[in-house]
Amino acid sequence: MASVIPVIFILAIVLGLMACGYLFVPKGPQQTTIRTAIMLTLASCYLMWMVTYMAQLHPLITPYRSTKGGESL
């Protein structure tokens, strides 16, 4: 269960940054475009980080040690 804590913690940080991006973008003709770009960037970075983190915690292929050559540790 300890592996879920960093995911939720980083999610809270990203959501906070999204809220700041939404609230503090200056008014103007490109306000919606800037807001969308900021939120999509943050969401994409979070998803990439989360997929990489979860893939390291739960790999699809389990690593194994070769016993060729008679090496012993």
PDB file of N, CA and C in Angstrom:
ATOM      1  N   MET A   1       0.815  -1.199   0.000  1.00  0.00           N
ATOM      2  CA  MET A   1       0.000   0.000   0.000  1.00  0.00           C
ATOM      3  C   MET A   1       0.856   1.258   0.000  1.00  0.00           C
ATOM      4  N   ALA A   2       2.136   1.109   0.353  1.00  0.00           N
ATOM      5  CA  ALA A   2       3.014   2.276   0.400  1.00  0.00           C
ATOM      6  C   ALA A   2       3.286   2.835  -0.990  1.00  0.00           C
ATOM      7  N   SER A   3       3.067   2.044  -2.038  1.00  0.00           N
ATOM      8  CA  SER A   3       3.357   2.516  -3.386  1.00  0.00           C
ATOM      9  C   SER A   3       2.306   3.494  -3.901  1.00  0.00           C
ATOM     10  N   VAL A   4       1.163   3.575  -3.252  1.00  0.00           N
ATOM     11  CA  VAL A   4       0.091   4.467  -3.697  1.00  0.00           C
ATOM     12  C   VAL A   4       0.297   5.887  -3.163  1.00  0.00           C
ATOM     13  N   ILE A   5       0.994   6.019  -2.074  1.00  0.00           N
ATOM     14  CA  ILE A   5       1.156   7.321  -1.427  1.00  0.00           C
ATOM     15  C   ILE A   5       1.878   8.328  -2.328  1.00  0.00           C
ATOM     16  N   PRO A   6       3.010   7.979  -2.974  1.00  0.00           N
ATOM     17  CA  PRO A   6       3.639   8.973  -3.864  1.00  0.00           C
ATOM     18  C   PRO A   6       2.760   9.358  -5.054  1.00  0.00           C
ATOM     19  N   VAL A   7       1.991   8.411  -5.573  1.00  0.00           N
ATOM     20  CA  VAL A   7       1.121   8.706  -6.714  1.00  0.00           C
ATOM     21  C   VAL A   7       0.068   9.736  -6.322  1.00  0.00           C
ATOM     22  N   ILE A   8      -0.537   9.555  -5.165  1.00  0.00           N
ATOM     23  CA  ILE A   8      -1.561  10.495  -4.699  1.00  0.00           C
ATOM     24  C   ILE A   8      -0.932  11.839  -4.330  1.00  0.00           C
ATOM     25  N   PHE A   9       0.257  11.807  -3.739  1.00  0.00           N
ATOM     26  CA  PHE A   9       0.942  13.041  -3.362  1.00  0.00           C
ATOM     27  C   PHE A   9       1.281  13.887  -4.591  1.00  0.00           C
ATOM     28  N   ILE A  10       1.842  13.260  -5.601  1.00  0.00           N
ATOM     29  CA  ILE A  10       2.185  13.988  -6.833  1.00  0.00           C
ATOM     30  C   ILE A  10       0.922  14.455  -7.539  1.00  0.00           C
ATOM     31  N   LEU A  11      -0.151  13.642  -7.493  1.00  0.00           N
ATOM     32  CA  LEU A  11      -1.431  14.056  -8.083  1.00  0.00           C
ATOM     33  C   LEU A  11      -1.943  15.326  -7.419  1.00  0.00           C
ATOM     34  N   ALA A  12      -1.845  15.408  -6.095  1.00  0.00           N
ATOM     35  CA  ALA A  12      -2.292  16.604  -5.386  1.00  0.00           C
ATOM     36  C   ALA A  12      -1.472  17.832  -5.809  1.00  0.00           C
ATOM     37  N   ILE A  13      -0.162  17.639  -5.990  1.00  0.00           N
ATOM     38  CA  ILE A  13       0.685  18.747  -6.434  1.00  0.00           C
ATOM     39  C   ILE A  13       0.296  19.191  -7.840  1.00  0.00           C
ATOM     40  N   VAL A  14       0.075  18.226  -8.735  1.00  0.00           N
ATOM     41  CA  VAL A  14      -0.290  18.560 -10.121  1.00  0.00           C
ATOM     42  C   VAL A  14      -1.648  19.250 -10.157  1.00  0.00           C
ATOM     43  N   LEU A  15      -2.597  18.782  -9.371  1.00  0.00           N
ATOM     44  CA  LEU A  15      -3.907  19.436  -9.332  1.00  0.00           C
ATOM     45  C   LEU A  15      -3.794  20.859  -8.801  1.00  0.00           C
ATOM     46  N   GLY A  16      -2.920  21.069  -7.810  1.00  0.00           N
ATOM     47  CA  GLY A  16      -2.685  22.425  -7.306  1.00  0.00           C
ATOM     48  C   GLY A  16      -2.069  23.332  -8.367  1.00  0.00           C
ATOM     49  N   LEU A  17      -1.128  22.796  -9.125  1.00  0.00           N
ATOM     50  CA  LEU A  17      -0.528  23.577 -10.205  1.00  0.00           C
ATOM     51  C   LEU A  17      -1.539  23.867 -11.303  1.00  0.00           C
ATOM     52  N   MET A  18      -2.426  22.919 -11.576  1.00  0.00           N
ATOM     53  CA  MET A  18      -3.477  23.161 -12.569  1.00  0.00           C
ATOM     54  C   MET A  18      -4.416  24.274 -12.114  1.00  0.00           C
ATOM     55  N   ALA A  19      -4.765  24.259 -10.835  1.00  0.00           N
ATOM     56  CA  ALA A  19      -5.636  25.304 -10.309  1.00  0.00           C
ATOM     57  C   ALA A  19      -4.950  26.666 -10.397  1.00  0.00           C
ATOM     58  N   CYS A  20      -3.658  26.715 -10.081  1.00  0.00           N
ATOM     59  CA  CYS A  20      -2.913  27.978 -10.208  1.00  0.00           C
ATOM     60  C   CYS A  20      -2.852  28.424 -11.658  1.00  0.00           C
ATOM     61  N   GLY A  21      -2.632  27.483 -12.558  1.00  0.00           N
ATOM     62  CA  GLY A  21      -2.603  27.824 -13.972  1.00  0.00           C
ATOM     63  C   GLY A  21      -3.930  28.340 -14.466  1.00  0.00           C
ATOM     64  N   TYR A  22      -4.996  27.776 -13.954  1.00  0.00           N
ATOM     65  CA  TYR A  22      -6.336  28.223 -14.364  1.00  0.00           C
ATOM     66  C   TYR A  22      -6.649  29.613 -13.808  1.00  0.00           C
ATOM     67  N   LEU A  23      -6.288  29.857 -12.568  1.00  0.00           N
ATOM     68  CA  LEU A  23      -6.669  31.106 -11.913  1.00  0.00           C
ATOM     69  C   LEU A  23      -5.770  32.290 -12.268  1.00  0.00           C
ATOM     70  N   PHE A  24      -4.488  32.045 -12.542  1.00  0.00           N
ATOM     71  CA  PHE A  24      -3.544  33.144 -12.682  1.00  0.00           C
ATOM     72  C   PHE A  24      -3.139  33.460 -14.111  1.00  0.00           C
ATOM     73  N   VAL A  25      -3.812  32.879 -15.091  1.00  0.00           N
ATOM     74  CA  VAL A  25      -3.532  33.237 -16.486  1.00  0.00           C
ATOM     75  C   VAL A  25      -4.161  34.604 -16.740  1.00  0.00           C
ATOM     76  N   PRO A  26      -3.386  35.543 -17.297  1.00  0.00           N
ATOM     77  CA  PRO A  26      -3.937  36.886 -17.531  1.00  0.00           C
ATOM     78  C   PRO A  26      -5.046  36.876 -18.581  1.00  0.00           C
ATOM     79  N   LYS A  27      -5.962  37.774 -18.417  1.00  0.00           N
ATOM     80  CA  LYS A  27      -7.077  37.879 -19.363  1.00  0.00           C
ATOM     81  C   LYS A  27      -6.570  38.367 -20.701  1.00  0.00           C
ATOM     82  N   GLY A  28      -7.207  37.868 -21.745  1.00  0.00           N
ATOM     83  CA  GLY A  28      -6.809  38.263 -23.088  1.00  0.00           C
ATOM     84  C   GLY A  28      -7.463  37.343 -24.107  1.00  0.00           C
ATOM     85  N   PRO A  29      -7.185  37.569 -25.358  1.00  0.00           N
ATOM     86  CA  PRO A  29      -7.825  36.770 -26.400  1.00  0.00           C
ATOM     87  C   PRO A  29      -7.355  35.315 -26.424  1.00  0.00           C
ATOM     88  N   GLN A  30      -6.174  35.040 -25.880  1.00  0.00           N
ATOM     89  CA  GLN A  30      -5.626  33.677 -25.903  1.00  0.00           C
ATOM     90  C   GLN A  30      -5.711  32.983 -24.543  1.00  0.00           C
ATOM     91  N   GLN A  31      -6.558  33.475 -23.660  1.00  0.00           N
ATOM     92  CA  GLN A  31      -6.638  32.935 -22.305  1.00  0.00           C
ATOM     93  C   GLN A  31      -7.013  31.463 -22.307  1.00  0.00           C
ATOM     94  N   THR A  32      -7.997  31.079 -23.090  1.00  0.00           N
ATOM     95  CA  THR A  32      -8.441  29.689 -23.125  1.00  0.00           C
ATOM     96  C   THR A  32      -7.351  28.788 -23.688  1.00  0.00           C
ATOM     97  N   THR A  33      -6.654  29.243 -24.691  1.00  0.00           N
ATOM     98  CA  THR A  33      -5.577  28.454 -25.295  1.00  0.00           C
ATOM     99  C   THR A  33      -4.436  28.240 -24.306  1.00  0.00           C
ATOM    100  N   ILE A  34      -4.074  29.271 -23.576  1.00  0.00           N
ATOM    101  CA  ILE A  34      -2.990  29.167 -22.601  1.00  0.00           C
ATOM    102  C   ILE A  34      -3.396  28.239 -21.465  1.00  0.00           C
ATOM    103  N   ARG A  35      -4.609  28.369 -20.970  1.00  0.00           N
ATOM    104  CA  ARG A  35      -5.097  27.488 -19.909  1.00  0.00           C
ATOM    105  C   ARG A  35      -5.082  26.029 -20.361  1.00  0.00           C
ATOM    106  N   THR A  36      -5.562  25.791 -21.572  1.00  0.00           N
ATOM    107  CA  THR A  36      -5.607  24.431 -22.092  1.00  0.00           C
ATOM    108  C   THR A  36      -4.203  23.861 -22.246  1.00  0.00           C
ATOM    109  N   ALA A  37      -3.285  24.665 -22.747  1.00  0.00           N
ATOM    110  CA  ALA A  37      -1.905  24.206 -22.928  1.00  0.00           C
ATOM    111  C   ALA A  37      -1.253  23.863 -21.590  1.00  0.00           C
ATOM    112  N   ILE A  38      -1.464  24.697 -20.595  1.00  0.00           N
ATOM    113  CA  ILE A  38      -0.884  24.447 -19.275  1.00  0.00           C
ATOM    114  C   ILE A  38      -1.456  23.167 -18.671  1.00  0.00           C
ATOM    115  N   MET A  39      -2.764  23.006 -18.724  1.00  0.00           N
ATOM    116  CA  MET A  39      -3.391  21.825 -18.123  1.00  0.00           C
ATOM    117  C   MET A  39      -3.032  20.542 -18.860  1.00  0.00           C
ATOM    118  N   LEU A  40      -2.986  20.592 -20.191  1.00  0.00           N
ATOM    119  CA  LEU A  40      -2.603  19.401 -20.952  1.00  0.00           C
ATOM    120  C   LEU A  40      -1.145  19.023 -20.706  1.00  0.00           C
ATOM    121  N   THR A  41      -0.297  20.016 -20.573  1.00  0.00           N
ATOM    122  CA  THR A  41       1.113  19.741 -20.282  1.00  0.00           C
ATOM    123  C   THR A  41       1.267  19.076 -18.924  1.00  0.00           C
ATOM    124  N   LEU A  42       0.627  19.614 -17.923  1.00  0.00           N
ATOM    125  CA  LEU A  42       0.712  19.030 -16.583  1.00  0.00           C
ATOM    126  C   LEU A  42       0.101  17.627 -16.532  1.00  0.00           C
ATOM    127  N   ALA A  43      -1.034  17.426 -17.190  1.00  0.00           N
ATOM    128  CA  ALA A  43      -1.663  16.111 -17.205  1.00  0.00           C
ATOM    129  C   ALA A  43      -0.789  15.089 -17.925  1.00  0.00           C
ATOM    130  N   SER A  44      -0.185  15.483 -19.031  1.00  0.00           N
ATOM    131  CA  SER A  44       0.681  14.567 -19.781  1.00  0.00           C
ATOM    132  C   SER A  44       1.927  14.199 -18.980  1.00  0.00           C
ATOM    133  N   CYS A  45       2.533  15.181 -18.340  1.00  0.00           N
ATOM    134  CA  CYS A  45       3.716  14.903 -17.513  1.00  0.00           C
ATOM    135  C   CYS A  45       3.367  13.982 -16.353  1.00  0.00           C
ATOM    136  N   TYR A  46       2.230  14.218 -15.708  1.00  0.00           N
ATOM    137  CA  TYR A  46       1.819  13.363 -14.596  1.00  0.00           C
ATOM    138  C   TYR A  46       1.559  11.933 -15.070  1.00  0.00           C
ATOM    139  N   LEU A  47       0.856  11.765 -16.175  1.00  0.00           N
ATOM    140  CA  LEU A  47       0.573  10.421 -16.675  1.00  0.00           C
ATOM    141  C   LEU A  47       1.855   9.682 -17.050  1.00  0.00           C
ATOM    142  N   MET A  48       2.789  10.374 -17.680  1.00  0.00           N
ATOM    143  CA  MET A  48       4.059   9.740 -18.039  1.00  0.00           C
ATOM    144  C   MET A  48       4.824   9.324 -16.793  1.00  0.00           C
ATOM    145  N   TRP A  49       4.877  10.193 -15.796  1.00  0.00           N
ATOM    146  CA  TRP A  49       5.548   9.857 -14.555  1.00  0.00           C
ATOM    147  C   TRP A  49       4.870   8.673 -13.879  1.00  0.00           C
ATOM    148  N   MET A  50       3.533   8.685 -13.798  1.00  0.00           N
ATOM    149  CA  MET A  50       2.814   7.624 -13.105  1.00  0.00           C
ATOM    150  C   MET A  50       3.000   6.274 -13.800  1.00  0.00           C
ATOM    151  N   VAL A  51       2.926   6.247 -15.127  1.00  0.00           N
ATOM    152  CA  VAL A  51       3.106   4.987 -15.858  1.00  0.00           C
ATOM    153  C   VAL A  51       4.518   4.450 -15.641  1.00  0.00           C
ATOM    154  N   THR A  52       5.520   5.325 -15.689  1.00  0.00           N
ATOM    155  CA  THR A  52       6.892   4.888 -15.463  1.00  0.00           C
ATOM    156  C   THR A  52       7.081   4.378 -14.040  1.00  0.00           C
ATOM    157  N   TYR A  53       6.537   5.074 -13.072  1.00  0.00           N
ATOM    158  CA  TYR A  53       6.648   4.677 -11.665  1.00  0.00           C
ATOM    159  C   TYR A  53       5.970   3.334 -11.420  1.00  0.00           C
ATOM    160  N   MET A  54       4.761   3.166 -11.942  1.00  0.00           N
ATOM    161  CA  MET A  54       4.044   1.914 -11.732  1.00  0.00           C
ATOM    162  C   MET A  54       4.701   0.752 -12.481  1.00  0.00           C
ATOM    163  N   ALA A  55       5.297   1.025 -13.642  1.00  0.00           N
ATOM    164  CA  ALA A  55       5.983  -0.030 -14.385  1.00  0.00           C
ATOM    165  C   ALA A  55       7.228  -0.506 -13.631  1.00  0.00           C
ATOM    166  N   GLN A  56       7.858   0.371 -12.885  1.00  0.00           N
ATOM    167  CA  GLN A  56       8.999  -0.046 -12.093  1.00  0.00           C
ATOM    168  C   GLN A  56       8.573  -0.831 -10.866  1.00  0.00           C
ATOM    169  N   LEU A  57       7.410  -0.521 -10.318  1.00  0.00           N
ATOM    170  CA  LEU A  57       6.930  -1.251  -9.149  1.00  0.00           C
ATOM    171  C   LEU A  57       6.399  -2.634  -9.509  1.00  0.00           C
ATOM    172  N   HIS A  58       5.738  -2.735 -10.652  1.00  0.00           N
ATOM    173  CA  HIS A  58       5.104  -3.986 -11.071  1.00  0.00           C
ATOM    174  C   HIS A  58       5.514  -4.309 -12.507  1.00  0.00           C
ATOM    175  N   PRO A  59       6.734  -4.818 -12.714  1.00  0.00           N
ATOM    176  CA  PRO A  59       7.177  -5.095 -14.077  1.00  0.00           C
ATOM    177  C   PRO A  59       6.398  -6.255 -14.692  1.00  0.00           C
ATOM    178  N   LEU A  60       6.221  -6.213 -16.019  1.00  0.00           N
ATOM    179  CA  LEU A  60       5.515  -7.276 -16.716  1.00  0.00           C
ATOM    180  C   LEU A  60       6.352  -8.544 -16.791  1.00  0.00           C
ATOM    181  N   ILE A  61       7.654  -8.390 -16.962  1.00  0.00           N
ATOM    182  CA  ILE A  61       8.555  -9.538 -17.050  1.00  0.00           C
ATOM    183  C   ILE A  61       9.451  -9.511 -15.814  1.00  0.00           C
ATOM    184  N   THR A  62       9.435 -10.594 -15.063  1.00  0.00           N
ATOM    185  CA  THR A  62      10.228 -10.669 -13.848  1.00  0.00           C
ATOM    186  C   THR A  62      11.693 -10.911 -14.205  1.00  0.00           C
ATOM    187  N   PRO A  63      12.598 -10.110 -13.687  1.00  0.00           N
ATOM    188  CA  PRO A  63      14.015 -10.339 -13.977  1.00  0.00           C
ATOM    189  C   PRO A  63      14.496 -11.629 -13.308  1.00  0.00           C
ATOM    190  N   TYR A  64      15.418 -12.302 -13.964  1.00  0.00           N
ATOM    191  CA  TYR A  64      15.971 -13.534 -13.392  1.00  0.00           C
ATOM    192  C   TYR A  64      17.468 -13.550 -13.617  1.00  0.00           C
ATOM    193  N   ARG A  65      18.154 -14.355 -12.789  1.00  0.00           N
ATOM    194  CA  ARG A  65      19.603 -14.441 -12.859  1.00  0.00           C
ATOM    195  C   ARG A  65      19.985 -15.712 -13.597  1.00  0.00           C
ATOM    196  N   SER A  66      20.890 -15.568 -14.548  1.00  0.00           N
ATOM    197  CA  SER A  66      21.394 -16.712 -15.296  1.00  0.00           C
ATOM    198  C   SER A  66      22.395 -17.454 -14.452  1.00  0.00           C
ATOM    199  N   THR A  67      22.361 -18.796 -14.491  1.00  0.00           N
ATOM    200  CA  THR A  67      23.298 -19.607 -13.714  1.00  0.00           C
ATOM    201  C   THR A  67      24.365 -20.232 -14.597  1.00  0.00           C
ATOM    202  N   LYS A  68      24.564 -19.740 -15.811  1.00  0.00           N
ATOM    203  CA  LYS A  68      25.583 -20.267 -16.711  1.00  0.00           C
ATOM    204  C   LYS A  68      26.971 -19.868 -16.234  1.00  0.00           C
ATOM    205  N   GLY A  69      27.929 -20.743 -16.449  1.00  0.00           N
ATOM    206  CA  GLY A  69      29.306 -20.432 -16.115  1.00  0.00           C
ATOM    207  C   GLY A  69      29.710 -20.803 -14.699  1.00  0.00           C
ATOM    208  N   GLY A  70      28.827 -21.303 -13.895  1.00  0.00           N
ATOM    209  CA  GLY A  70      29.165 -21.740 -12.553  1.00  0.00           C
ATOM    210  C   GLY A  70      29.517 -20.624 -11.598  1.00  0.00           C
ATOM    211  N   GLU A  71      29.098 -19.424 -11.897  1.00  0.00           N
ATOM    212  CA  GLU A  71      29.366 -18.316 -10.984  1.00  0.00           C
ATOM    213  C   GLU A  71      28.480 -18.437  -9.751  1.00  0.00           C
ATOM    214  N   SER A  72      29.044 -18.142  -8.606  1.00  0.00           N
ATOM    215  CA  SER A  72      28.244 -18.154  -7.376  1.00  0.00           C
ATOM    216  C   SER A  72      28.514 -16.876  -6.606  1.00  0.00           C
ATOM    217  N   LEU A  73      27.490 -16.383  -5.993  1.00  0.00           N
ATOM    218  CA  LEU A  73      27.622 -15.151  -5.209  1.00  0.00           C
ATOM    219  C   LEU A  73      27.434 -15.426  -3.756  1.00  0.00           C
TER     220      LEU A  73
END
